[in-house]
Amino acid sequence: MLHQVNRQRRRQAQQIDILCKDLISCQRRFIMDLGSISFAAGLYKSMLGVTSLTRLLEIAAGAICQHIPAVSILFYIRANGVFRQYITEDRAGQADDHNRLMEAIGTELAEAVCRSNKVCNLEDLIMLGLQASPKLTARLSVTSFPIALDGRSIGFVLLCRSCARPLTETEVQQVLAVTAGLAPALQACEKVPSN
C-alpha cells in the first residue's frame, strides 16, 4: 500500500512538473506577443498624421531596423497597376548584393509575390521566378512580407541581411505586426492630395 501511495505521488509530481513547464512556456509566448503588440502600437502612433508616402515608409523602415539589426529593407508598392520600389538606406553593409537582388526582382516576380500573399523566404521567391546568381543567394537571407488590404495584396516588404543571421520567428512576428497596419496607412497616403 505504501508503495502504491509513493508511485501515485511521483506520478502527481510529474504531472505538476509538466503543468508548470507548460505554464512557463505560455507565459513566455504571452510576453513575446505583448512585445510585438507594443512594438506595433508605437509604430502606428508614429505614423499618425503622416501624408507623405516616402515619409511613411521611412518611419516603417526605421521601426523595423530598430528592432531587427543589420537588415536592409525594400518596399514594393503597387499603385495604379505599376510597382514602385522604395529603398531604405543599407544598414546591413551589403549594398551591392541588395542592388543585384533588386535588379533581379522584375514586375512579373513582384506580381507573383503579391499573388502569393504570404511570407516568402528565398526558396519561395526562387520558386516564384527569382533569377539571381547562386553566389548572390548564398550570401543573403531574404524574406518578403505581404502588405495586404482587405485580403488583397498591394505590395510587399523585402528584408535582406547576411545568411549568417536569418530572421528569427520573433522578428518575423514583429514585421508582420508592422505590415498589418501599413496597408491602410498607404491607402490613406494615396487619397491625400499632394501639394
N, C-alpha and C. Protein backbone atom coordinates (compact mmCIF):
# COMPACT_ATOMS: atom_id res chain seq x y z
N MET A 1 0.81 -1.18 0.00
CA MET A 1 0.00 0.00 0.00
C MET A 1 0.87 1.26 0.00
N LEU A 2 1.90 1.28 0.82
CA LEU A 2 2.82 2.42 0.86
C LEU A 2 3.52 2.60 -0.49
N HIS A 3 3.86 1.50 -1.11
CA HIS A 3 4.49 1.52 -2.43
C HIS A 3 3.56 2.17 -3.45
N GLN A 4 2.30 1.84 -3.38
CA GLN A 4 1.30 2.39 -4.30
C GLN A 4 1.11 3.90 -4.07
N VAL A 5 1.12 4.34 -2.82
CA VAL A 5 0.98 5.76 -2.50
C VAL A 5 2.18 6.54 -3.02
N ASN A 6 3.38 5.99 -2.85
CA ASN A 6 4.58 6.64 -3.36
C ASN A 6 4.55 6.76 -4.88
N ARG A 7 4.10 5.73 -5.56
CA ARG A 7 4.00 5.75 -7.02
C ARG A 7 3.02 6.83 -7.46
N GLN A 8 1.92 6.93 -6.74
CA GLN A 8 0.91 7.95 -7.07
C GLN A 8 1.48 9.36 -6.84
N ARG A 9 2.24 9.54 -5.78
CA ARG A 9 2.86 10.84 -5.51
C ARG A 9 3.85 11.22 -6.61
N ARG A 10 4.65 10.24 -7.03
CA ARG A 10 5.61 10.51 -8.12
C ARG A 10 4.87 10.89 -9.40
N ARG A 11 3.81 10.20 -9.70
CA ARG A 11 3.02 10.50 -10.91
C ARG A 11 2.42 11.90 -10.80
N GLN A 12 1.91 12.25 -9.63
CA GLN A 12 1.36 13.59 -9.44
C GLN A 12 2.46 14.66 -9.55
N ALA A 13 3.63 14.35 -9.01
CA ALA A 13 4.74 15.30 -9.09
C ALA A 13 5.15 15.51 -10.55
N GLN A 14 5.16 14.43 -11.33
CA GLN A 14 5.48 14.55 -12.75
C GLN A 14 4.42 15.39 -13.49
N GLN A 15 3.17 15.17 -13.16
CA GLN A 15 2.09 15.94 -13.79
C GLN A 15 2.19 17.42 -13.42
N ILE A 16 2.49 17.70 -12.16
CA ILE A 16 2.65 19.08 -11.72
C ILE A 16 3.84 19.71 -12.44
N ASP A 17 4.91 18.96 -12.58
CA ASP A 17 6.09 19.47 -13.30
C ASP A 17 5.75 19.80 -14.75
N ILE A 18 5.01 18.96 -15.41
CA ILE A 18 4.58 19.20 -16.80
C ILE A 18 3.70 20.44 -16.87
N LEU A 19 2.75 20.57 -15.94
CA LEU A 19 1.88 21.74 -15.93
C LEU A 19 2.67 23.02 -15.70
N CYS A 20 3.64 22.98 -14.80
CA CYS A 20 4.46 24.17 -14.53
C CYS A 20 5.26 24.56 -15.78
N LYS A 21 5.84 23.58 -16.45
CA LYS A 21 6.59 23.88 -17.67
C LYS A 21 5.67 24.46 -18.75
N ASP A 22 4.46 23.91 -18.89
CA ASP A 22 3.51 24.45 -19.85
C ASP A 22 3.11 25.88 -19.51
N LEU A 23 2.91 26.14 -18.22
CA LEU A 23 2.55 27.49 -17.77
C LEU A 23 3.67 28.49 -18.07
N ILE A 24 4.90 28.10 -17.81
CA ILE A 24 6.04 28.97 -18.09
C ILE A 24 6.17 29.20 -19.59
N SER A 25 5.98 28.18 -20.38
CA SER A 25 6.04 28.32 -21.84
C SER A 25 4.96 29.27 -22.36
N CYS A 26 3.75 29.13 -21.84
CA CYS A 26 2.65 30.02 -22.24
C CYS A 26 2.93 31.46 -21.83
N GLN A 27 3.48 31.63 -20.64
CA GLN A 27 3.81 32.96 -20.16
C GLN A 27 4.89 33.59 -21.05
N ARG A 28 5.87 32.81 -21.45
CA ARG A 28 6.94 33.30 -22.33
C ARG A 28 6.35 33.75 -23.67
N ARG A 29 5.47 32.93 -24.25
CA ARG A 29 4.82 33.31 -25.53
C ARG A 29 3.97 34.56 -25.36
N PHE A 30 3.28 34.66 -24.24
CA PHE A 30 2.44 35.83 -23.98
C PHE A 30 3.29 37.10 -23.91
N ILE A 31 4.42 37.02 -23.25
CA ILE A 31 5.32 38.17 -23.14
C ILE A 31 5.85 38.55 -24.52
N MET A 32 6.18 37.57 -25.34
CA MET A 32 6.63 37.86 -26.71
C MET A 32 5.51 38.54 -27.50
N ASP A 33 4.28 38.06 -27.34
CA ASP A 33 3.15 38.67 -28.04
C ASP A 33 2.93 40.11 -27.56
N LEU A 34 3.07 40.34 -26.27
CA LEU A 34 2.94 41.70 -25.75
C LEU A 34 4.02 42.61 -26.33
N GLY A 35 5.22 42.07 -26.49
CA GLY A 35 6.31 42.85 -27.10
C GLY A 35 5.97 43.24 -28.53
N SER A 36 5.41 42.30 -29.29
CA SER A 36 5.02 42.60 -30.67
C SER A 36 3.90 43.63 -30.71
N ILE A 37 2.94 43.51 -29.81
CA ILE A 37 1.83 44.47 -29.76
C ILE A 37 2.34 45.85 -29.39
N SER A 38 3.23 45.92 -28.42
CA SER A 38 3.81 47.20 -28.00
C SER A 38 4.60 47.82 -29.15
N PHE A 39 5.36 47.01 -29.85
CA PHE A 39 6.14 47.47 -31.00
C PHE A 39 5.21 48.05 -32.07
N ALA A 40 4.15 47.31 -32.41
CA ALA A 40 3.21 47.77 -33.43
C ALA A 40 2.48 49.04 -32.99
N ALA A 41 2.07 49.10 -31.73
CA ALA A 41 1.35 50.28 -31.24
C ALA A 41 2.24 51.53 -31.32
N GLY A 42 3.50 51.39 -30.97
CA GLY A 42 4.42 52.52 -31.07
C GLY A 42 4.60 52.97 -32.51
N LEU A 43 4.69 52.01 -33.41
CA LEU A 43 4.83 52.34 -34.82
C LEU A 43 3.59 53.05 -35.34
N TYR A 44 2.42 52.51 -35.04
CA TYR A 44 1.18 53.11 -35.53
C TYR A 44 1.02 54.53 -34.99
N LYS A 45 1.42 54.73 -33.75
CA LYS A 45 1.34 56.07 -33.16
C LYS A 45 2.25 57.03 -33.93
N SER A 46 3.43 56.58 -34.31
CA SER A 46 4.36 57.45 -35.03
C SER A 46 3.90 57.72 -36.47
N MET A 47 3.01 56.88 -37.01
CA MET A 47 2.52 57.07 -38.37
C MET A 47 1.29 57.98 -38.43
N LEU A 48 0.71 58.31 -37.28
CA LEU A 48 -0.49 59.15 -37.27
C LEU A 48 -0.22 60.49 -37.93
N GLY A 49 -1.08 60.88 -38.84
CA GLY A 49 -1.00 62.18 -39.48
C GLY A 49 0.01 62.29 -40.61
N VAL A 50 0.76 61.23 -40.89
CA VAL A 50 1.74 61.27 -41.97
C VAL A 50 1.00 61.12 -43.30
N THR A 51 1.22 62.05 -44.21
CA THR A 51 0.53 62.00 -45.51
C THR A 51 1.48 61.78 -46.67
N SER A 52 2.77 61.79 -46.41
CA SER A 52 3.75 61.55 -47.46
C SER A 52 4.09 60.07 -47.50
N LEU A 53 3.96 59.46 -48.66
CA LEU A 53 4.25 58.03 -48.81
C LEU A 53 5.70 57.74 -48.45
N THR A 54 6.60 58.56 -48.95
CA THR A 54 8.02 58.36 -48.66
C THR A 54 8.29 58.45 -47.16
N ARG A 55 7.71 59.43 -46.49
CA ARG A 55 7.92 59.59 -45.04
C ARG A 55 7.33 58.40 -44.28
N LEU A 56 6.16 57.94 -44.71
CA LEU A 56 5.52 56.80 -44.06
C LEU A 56 6.42 55.57 -44.15
N LEU A 57 7.00 55.32 -45.31
CA LEU A 57 7.88 54.16 -45.48
C LEU A 57 9.18 54.34 -44.70
N GLU A 58 9.66 55.57 -44.59
CA GLU A 58 10.85 55.82 -43.76
C GLU A 58 10.57 55.49 -42.29
N ILE A 59 9.40 55.86 -41.81
CA ILE A 59 9.03 55.58 -40.43
C ILE A 59 8.93 54.06 -40.21
N ALA A 60 8.27 53.37 -41.13
CA ALA A 60 8.13 51.92 -41.01
C ALA A 60 9.50 51.24 -41.05
N ALA A 61 10.34 51.67 -41.98
CA ALA A 61 11.69 51.08 -42.09
C ALA A 61 12.50 51.35 -40.83
N GLY A 62 12.40 52.56 -40.31
CA GLY A 62 13.13 52.90 -39.08
C GLY A 62 12.70 52.03 -37.91
N ALA A 63 11.40 51.79 -37.80
CA ALA A 63 10.89 50.94 -36.71
C ALA A 63 11.38 49.51 -36.86
N ILE A 64 11.34 49.01 -38.10
CA ILE A 64 11.81 47.64 -38.33
C ILE A 64 13.30 47.54 -38.01
N CYS A 65 14.07 48.49 -38.51
CA CYS A 65 15.53 48.45 -38.29
C CYS A 65 15.90 48.60 -36.81
N GLN A 66 15.07 49.31 -36.08
CA GLN A 66 15.33 49.50 -34.65
C GLN A 66 15.22 48.17 -33.91
N HIS A 67 14.34 47.29 -34.35
CA HIS A 67 14.12 46.02 -33.66
C HIS A 67 14.79 44.83 -34.34
N ILE A 68 15.20 45.02 -35.58
CA ILE A 68 15.85 43.93 -36.30
C ILE A 68 17.19 44.46 -36.82
N PRO A 69 18.27 44.11 -36.16
CA PRO A 69 19.57 44.68 -36.53
C PRO A 69 20.11 44.17 -37.86
N ALA A 70 20.95 44.99 -38.48
CA ALA A 70 21.70 44.63 -39.69
C ALA A 70 20.81 44.13 -40.82
N VAL A 71 19.76 44.89 -41.09
CA VAL A 71 18.83 44.50 -42.15
C VAL A 71 18.63 45.66 -43.11
N SER A 72 18.49 45.34 -44.38
CA SER A 72 18.12 46.34 -45.38
C SER A 72 16.70 46.04 -45.82
N ILE A 73 15.97 47.11 -46.14
CA ILE A 73 14.55 46.96 -46.42
C ILE A 73 14.23 47.57 -47.77
N LEU A 74 13.49 46.83 -48.57
CA LEU A 74 13.00 47.31 -49.86
C LEU A 74 11.49 47.21 -49.81
N PHE A 75 10.80 48.26 -50.22
CA PHE A 75 9.35 48.24 -50.30
C PHE A 75 8.95 48.18 -51.77
N TYR A 76 8.02 47.32 -52.09
CA TYR A 76 7.43 47.24 -53.43
C TYR A 76 5.95 47.55 -53.26
N ILE A 77 5.53 48.69 -53.78
CA ILE A 77 4.15 49.13 -53.62
C ILE A 77 3.51 49.25 -55.00
N ARG A 78 2.33 48.65 -55.14
CA ARG A 78 1.60 48.72 -56.40
C ARG A 78 0.64 49.90 -56.34
N ALA A 79 0.75 50.77 -57.31
CA ALA A 79 -0.16 51.92 -57.41
C ALA A 79 -0.56 52.05 -58.88
N ASN A 80 -1.86 52.03 -59.13
CA ASN A 80 -2.39 52.13 -60.49
C ASN A 80 -1.79 51.06 -61.40
N GLY A 81 -1.62 49.86 -60.88
CA GLY A 81 -1.13 48.74 -61.67
C GLY A 81 0.37 48.72 -61.91
N VAL A 82 1.10 49.68 -61.35
CA VAL A 82 2.54 49.76 -61.55
C VAL A 82 3.24 49.61 -60.20
N PHE A 83 4.33 48.84 -60.19
CA PHE A 83 5.10 48.68 -58.95
C PHE A 83 6.14 49.78 -58.85
N ARG A 84 6.22 50.34 -57.65
CA ARG A 84 7.27 51.32 -57.36
C ARG A 84 8.15 50.72 -56.26
N GLN A 85 9.46 50.91 -56.42
CA GLN A 85 10.40 50.42 -55.42
C GLN A 85 10.82 51.58 -54.53
N TYR A 86 10.86 51.30 -53.25
CA TYR A 86 11.35 52.28 -52.27
C TYR A 86 12.45 51.59 -51.49
N ILE A 87 13.62 52.16 -51.53
CA ILE A 87 14.78 51.56 -50.90
C ILE A 87 15.15 52.37 -49.68
N THR A 88 15.38 51.70 -48.59
CA THR A 88 15.87 52.40 -47.41
C THR A 88 17.39 52.33 -47.41
N GLU A 89 18.02 53.09 -46.55
CA GLU A 89 19.48 53.05 -46.51
C GLU A 89 19.95 51.66 -46.14
N ASP A 90 21.11 51.30 -46.65
CA ASP A 90 21.68 49.98 -46.40
C ASP A 90 22.23 49.93 -44.98
N ARG A 91 21.57 49.18 -44.13
CA ARG A 91 22.03 49.07 -42.74
C ARG A 91 22.72 47.75 -42.49
N ALA A 92 22.79 46.93 -43.53
CA ALA A 92 23.42 45.62 -43.38
C ALA A 92 24.82 45.61 -43.97
N GLY A 93 25.24 46.71 -44.62
CA GLY A 93 26.57 46.77 -45.19
C GLY A 93 26.74 45.90 -46.42
N GLN A 94 25.65 45.64 -47.12
CA GLN A 94 25.71 44.78 -48.31
C GLN A 94 24.98 45.45 -49.48
N ALA A 95 25.26 46.71 -49.72
CA ALA A 95 24.54 47.48 -50.74
C ALA A 95 24.64 46.84 -52.12
N ASP A 96 25.83 46.36 -52.49
CA ASP A 96 26.00 45.76 -53.82
C ASP A 96 25.12 44.53 -53.99
N ASP A 97 25.11 43.66 -52.99
CA ASP A 97 24.27 42.46 -53.06
C ASP A 97 22.79 42.83 -53.14
N HIS A 98 22.38 43.81 -52.35
CA HIS A 98 20.97 44.20 -52.35
C HIS A 98 20.57 44.84 -53.67
N ASN A 99 21.48 45.61 -54.27
CA ASN A 99 21.19 46.20 -55.58
C ASN A 99 21.03 45.11 -56.64
N ARG A 100 21.90 44.11 -56.60
CA ARG A 100 21.78 42.99 -57.55
C ARG A 100 20.46 42.25 -57.34
N LEU A 101 20.09 42.06 -56.08
CA LEU A 101 18.84 41.38 -55.79
C LEU A 101 17.66 42.21 -56.30
N MET A 102 17.72 43.51 -56.09
CA MET A 102 16.64 44.39 -56.54
C MET A 102 16.50 44.35 -58.06
N GLU A 103 17.62 44.31 -58.75
CA GLU A 103 17.59 44.22 -60.20
C GLU A 103 16.95 42.92 -60.67
N ALA A 104 17.07 41.87 -59.86
CA ALA A 104 16.51 40.57 -60.23
C ALA A 104 15.00 40.49 -59.99
N ILE A 105 14.46 41.45 -59.27
CA ILE A 105 13.02 41.44 -58.98
C ILE A 105 12.33 42.36 -59.97
N GLY A 106 11.79 41.75 -61.01
CA GLY A 106 11.05 42.50 -62.02
C GLY A 106 9.56 42.52 -61.72
N THR A 107 8.82 43.08 -62.64
CA THR A 107 7.37 43.21 -62.46
C THR A 107 6.69 41.85 -62.34
N GLU A 108 7.12 40.88 -63.15
CA GLU A 108 6.50 39.54 -63.10
C GLU A 108 6.66 38.91 -61.73
N LEU A 109 7.88 38.97 -61.20
CA LEU A 109 8.13 38.39 -59.88
C LEU A 109 7.36 39.15 -58.81
N ALA A 110 7.35 40.48 -58.89
CA ALA A 110 6.61 41.28 -57.91
C ALA A 110 5.14 40.90 -57.93
N GLU A 111 4.57 40.71 -59.12
CA GLU A 111 3.17 40.28 -59.23
C GLU A 111 2.97 38.91 -58.60
N ALA A 112 3.91 38.00 -58.86
CA ALA A 112 3.80 36.64 -58.30
C ALA A 112 3.87 36.67 -56.78
N VAL A 113 4.75 37.51 -56.23
CA VAL A 113 4.87 37.63 -54.77
C VAL A 113 3.56 38.18 -54.20
N CYS A 114 3.00 39.18 -54.88
CA CYS A 114 1.72 39.74 -54.42
C CYS A 114 0.59 38.70 -54.50
N ARG A 115 0.55 37.95 -55.58
CA ARG A 115 -0.49 36.93 -55.71
C ARG A 115 -0.38 35.87 -54.62
N SER A 116 0.86 35.54 -54.23
CA SER A 116 1.02 34.52 -53.18
C SER A 116 0.47 35.03 -51.86
N ASN A 117 0.58 36.34 -51.62
CA ASN A 117 0.02 36.99 -50.43
C ASN A 117 0.39 36.26 -49.14
N LYS A 118 1.67 35.87 -49.05
CA LYS A 118 2.16 35.17 -47.86
C LYS A 118 3.61 35.56 -47.62
N VAL A 119 4.11 35.23 -46.46
CA VAL A 119 5.52 35.44 -46.16
C VAL A 119 6.31 34.45 -47.02
N CYS A 120 7.29 34.97 -47.76
CA CYS A 120 8.10 34.12 -48.64
C CYS A 120 9.56 34.22 -48.26
N ASN A 121 10.21 33.08 -48.10
CA ASN A 121 11.65 33.09 -47.88
C ASN A 121 12.35 33.00 -49.24
N LEU A 122 13.66 32.91 -49.25
CA LEU A 122 14.41 32.91 -50.50
C LEU A 122 14.01 31.74 -51.40
N GLU A 123 13.82 30.58 -50.82
CA GLU A 123 13.43 29.41 -51.62
C GLU A 123 12.07 29.65 -52.29
N ASP A 124 11.14 30.24 -51.55
CA ASP A 124 9.82 30.56 -52.12
C ASP A 124 9.96 31.54 -53.28
N LEU A 125 10.81 32.56 -53.10
CA LEU A 125 11.00 33.56 -54.15
C LEU A 125 11.60 32.94 -55.40
N ILE A 126 12.52 32.00 -55.22
CA ILE A 126 13.10 31.30 -56.37
C ILE A 126 12.02 30.48 -57.08
N MET A 127 11.15 29.84 -56.30
CA MET A 127 10.04 29.05 -56.89
C MET A 127 9.08 29.97 -57.65
N LEU A 128 8.94 31.21 -57.20
CA LEU A 128 8.05 32.17 -57.86
C LEU A 128 8.69 32.81 -59.09
N GLY A 129 10.00 32.57 -59.29
CA GLY A 129 10.64 33.07 -60.51
C GLY A 129 11.84 33.97 -60.31
N LEU A 130 12.34 34.11 -59.07
CA LEU A 130 13.54 34.91 -58.86
C LEU A 130 14.71 34.25 -59.57
N GLN A 131 15.38 35.03 -60.40
CA GLN A 131 16.56 34.52 -61.11
C GLN A 131 17.75 35.37 -60.71
N ALA A 132 18.45 34.88 -59.71
CA ALA A 132 19.64 35.55 -59.21
C ALA A 132 20.75 34.51 -59.14
N SER A 133 21.98 34.98 -59.20
CA SER A 133 23.11 34.05 -59.20
C SER A 133 23.15 33.28 -57.88
N PRO A 134 23.56 32.02 -57.96
CA PRO A 134 23.69 31.23 -56.74
C PRO A 134 24.68 31.84 -55.74
N LYS A 135 25.71 32.52 -56.27
CA LYS A 135 26.67 33.17 -55.36
C LYS A 135 25.98 34.25 -54.54
N LEU A 136 25.09 35.00 -55.21
CA LEU A 136 24.36 36.06 -54.52
C LEU A 136 23.41 35.46 -53.48
N THR A 137 22.62 34.50 -53.89
CA THR A 137 21.63 33.93 -52.96
C THR A 137 22.29 33.18 -51.81
N ALA A 138 23.51 32.71 -52.01
CA ALA A 138 24.21 32.01 -50.93
C ALA A 138 24.65 32.97 -49.83
N ARG A 139 24.78 34.27 -50.17
CA ARG A 139 25.24 35.24 -49.19
C ARG A 139 24.12 35.93 -48.43
N LEU A 140 22.89 35.82 -48.92
CA LEU A 140 21.79 36.60 -48.36
C LEU A 140 20.71 35.74 -47.72
N SER A 141 20.12 36.30 -46.69
CA SER A 141 18.88 35.78 -46.13
C SER A 141 17.82 36.78 -46.54
N VAL A 142 16.82 36.34 -47.29
CA VAL A 142 15.82 37.22 -47.86
C VAL A 142 14.44 36.71 -47.46
N THR A 143 13.58 37.63 -47.02
CA THR A 143 12.20 37.28 -46.68
C THR A 143 11.30 38.41 -47.15
N SER A 144 10.19 38.04 -47.79
CA SER A 144 9.21 39.06 -48.19
C SER A 144 7.96 38.91 -47.33
N PHE A 145 7.34 40.06 -47.05
CA PHE A 145 6.14 40.10 -46.22
C PHE A 145 5.05 40.83 -47.00
N PRO A 146 3.87 40.24 -47.13
CA PRO A 146 2.82 40.91 -47.89
C PRO A 146 2.28 42.14 -47.17
N ILE A 147 1.90 43.12 -47.96
CA ILE A 147 1.17 44.28 -47.44
C ILE A 147 -0.22 44.13 -48.04
N ALA A 148 -1.16 43.68 -47.22
CA ALA A 148 -2.49 43.34 -47.73
C ALA A 148 -3.54 44.27 -47.14
N LEU A 149 -4.48 44.61 -47.99
CA LEU A 149 -5.61 45.45 -47.60
C LEU A 149 -6.88 44.71 -48.00
N ASP A 150 -7.71 44.38 -47.01
CA ASP A 150 -8.94 43.62 -47.26
C ASP A 150 -8.66 42.31 -48.00
N GLY A 151 -7.56 41.65 -47.62
CA GLY A 151 -7.22 40.36 -48.22
C GLY A 151 -6.55 40.46 -49.58
N ARG A 152 -6.38 41.66 -50.11
CA ARG A 152 -5.77 41.86 -51.43
C ARG A 152 -4.40 42.50 -51.22
N SER A 153 -3.39 41.91 -51.81
CA SER A 153 -2.03 42.41 -51.65
C SER A 153 -1.82 43.67 -52.49
N ILE A 154 -1.30 44.71 -51.85
CA ILE A 154 -1.00 45.95 -52.56
C ILE A 154 0.51 46.16 -52.67
N GLY A 155 1.26 45.19 -52.22
CA GLY A 155 2.71 45.26 -52.29
C GLY A 155 3.34 44.33 -51.27
N PHE A 156 4.63 44.52 -51.09
CA PHE A 156 5.32 43.69 -50.10
C PHE A 156 6.57 44.40 -49.63
N VAL A 157 7.06 43.94 -48.49
CA VAL A 157 8.29 44.43 -47.89
C VAL A 157 9.30 43.30 -48.02
N LEU A 158 10.49 43.64 -48.50
CA LEU A 158 11.54 42.64 -48.66
C LEU A 158 12.66 42.98 -47.68
N LEU A 159 12.98 42.06 -46.80
CA LEU A 159 14.06 42.24 -45.83
C LEU A 159 15.25 41.39 -46.25
N CYS A 160 16.43 42.00 -46.23
CA CYS A 160 17.67 41.30 -46.62
C CYS A 160 18.71 41.48 -45.52
N ARG A 161 19.42 40.43 -45.27
CA ARG A 161 20.62 40.52 -44.44
C ARG A 161 21.46 39.29 -44.68
N SER A 162 22.59 39.24 -44.04
CA SER A 162 23.54 38.16 -44.25
C SER A 162 22.89 36.82 -43.93
N CYS A 163 23.25 35.80 -44.71
CA CYS A 163 22.68 34.47 -44.47
C CYS A 163 23.13 33.90 -43.13
N ALA A 164 24.16 34.49 -42.55
CA ALA A 164 24.61 34.03 -41.23
C ALA A 164 23.60 34.37 -40.14
N ARG A 165 22.68 35.33 -40.44
CA ARG A 165 21.68 35.75 -39.44
C ARG A 165 20.29 35.76 -40.06
N PRO A 166 19.71 34.61 -40.33
CA PRO A 166 18.34 34.62 -40.86
C PRO A 166 17.37 35.17 -39.82
N LEU A 167 16.21 35.61 -40.28
CA LEU A 167 15.22 36.16 -39.36
C LEU A 167 14.74 35.10 -38.38
N THR A 168 14.57 35.51 -37.14
CA THR A 168 14.01 34.62 -36.12
C THR A 168 12.49 34.70 -36.19
N GLU A 169 11.83 33.79 -35.54
CA GLU A 169 10.36 33.79 -35.51
C GLU A 169 9.83 35.07 -34.86
N THR A 170 10.50 35.54 -33.81
CA THR A 170 10.09 36.78 -33.15
C THR A 170 10.20 37.95 -34.11
N GLU A 171 11.28 38.01 -34.88
CA GLU A 171 11.46 39.10 -35.85
C GLU A 171 10.40 39.04 -36.94
N VAL A 172 10.08 37.84 -37.39
CA VAL A 172 9.02 37.68 -38.40
C VAL A 172 7.70 38.21 -37.86
N GLN A 173 7.37 37.89 -36.61
CA GLN A 173 6.14 38.36 -36.00
C GLN A 173 6.12 39.88 -35.88
N GLN A 174 7.26 40.47 -35.58
CA GLN A 174 7.33 41.93 -35.47
C GLN A 174 7.10 42.59 -36.82
N VAL A 175 7.68 42.04 -37.87
CA VAL A 175 7.47 42.62 -39.20
C VAL A 175 6.01 42.44 -39.63
N LEU A 176 5.43 41.30 -39.33
CA LEU A 176 4.01 41.09 -39.64
C LEU A 176 3.12 42.10 -38.91
N ALA A 177 3.51 42.45 -37.69
CA ALA A 177 2.76 43.46 -36.95
C ALA A 177 2.84 44.81 -37.65
N VAL A 178 3.99 45.12 -38.25
CA VAL A 178 4.15 46.37 -38.99
C VAL A 178 3.32 46.36 -40.27
N THR A 179 3.43 45.28 -41.03
CA THR A 179 2.75 45.23 -42.33
C THR A 179 1.24 45.21 -42.19
N ALA A 180 0.74 44.72 -41.07
CA ALA A 180 -0.72 44.68 -40.86
C ALA A 180 -1.31 46.08 -40.85
N GLY A 181 -0.62 47.03 -40.27
CA GLY A 181 -1.14 48.40 -40.20
C GLY A 181 -0.62 49.30 -41.31
N LEU A 182 0.31 48.80 -42.09
CA LEU A 182 0.91 49.62 -43.13
C LEU A 182 -0.04 49.82 -44.32
N ALA A 183 -0.79 48.80 -44.67
CA ALA A 183 -1.67 48.89 -45.84
C ALA A 183 -2.71 50.01 -45.72
N PRO A 184 -3.46 50.11 -44.62
CA PRO A 184 -4.41 51.22 -44.51
C PRO A 184 -3.72 52.58 -44.53
N ALA A 185 -2.54 52.67 -43.93
CA ALA A 185 -1.80 53.94 -43.93
C ALA A 185 -1.36 54.29 -45.34
N LEU A 186 -0.92 53.30 -46.11
CA LEU A 186 -0.53 53.55 -47.50
C LEU A 186 -1.73 54.01 -48.32
N GLN A 187 -2.85 53.36 -48.10
CA GLN A 187 -4.06 53.74 -48.83
C GLN A 187 -4.47 55.18 -48.48
N ALA A 188 -4.35 55.54 -47.23
CA ALA A 188 -4.69 56.90 -46.81
C ALA A 188 -3.75 57.91 -47.46
N CYS A 189 -2.46 57.57 -47.58
CA CYS A 189 -1.50 58.47 -48.24
C CYS A 189 -1.86 58.69 -49.70
N GLU A 190 -2.33 57.65 -50.38
CA GLU A 190 -2.70 57.78 -51.78
C GLU A 190 -3.92 58.69 -51.95
N LYS A 191 -4.80 58.71 -50.97
CA LYS A 191 -6.02 59.51 -51.07
C LYS A 191 -5.79 60.99 -50.77
N VAL A 192 -4.71 61.29 -50.05
CA VAL A 192 -4.43 62.68 -49.68
C VAL A 192 -3.75 63.36 -50.87
N PRO A 193 -4.32 64.44 -51.36
CA PRO A 193 -3.67 65.13 -52.49
C PRO A 193 -2.34 65.74 -52.07
N SER A 194 -1.33 65.61 -52.96
CA SER A 194 -0.02 66.19 -52.64
C SER A 194 0.01 67.63 -53.13
N ASN A 195 0.73 68.47 -52.41
CA ASN A 195 0.81 69.90 -52.75
C ASN A 195 1.82 70.15 -53.82
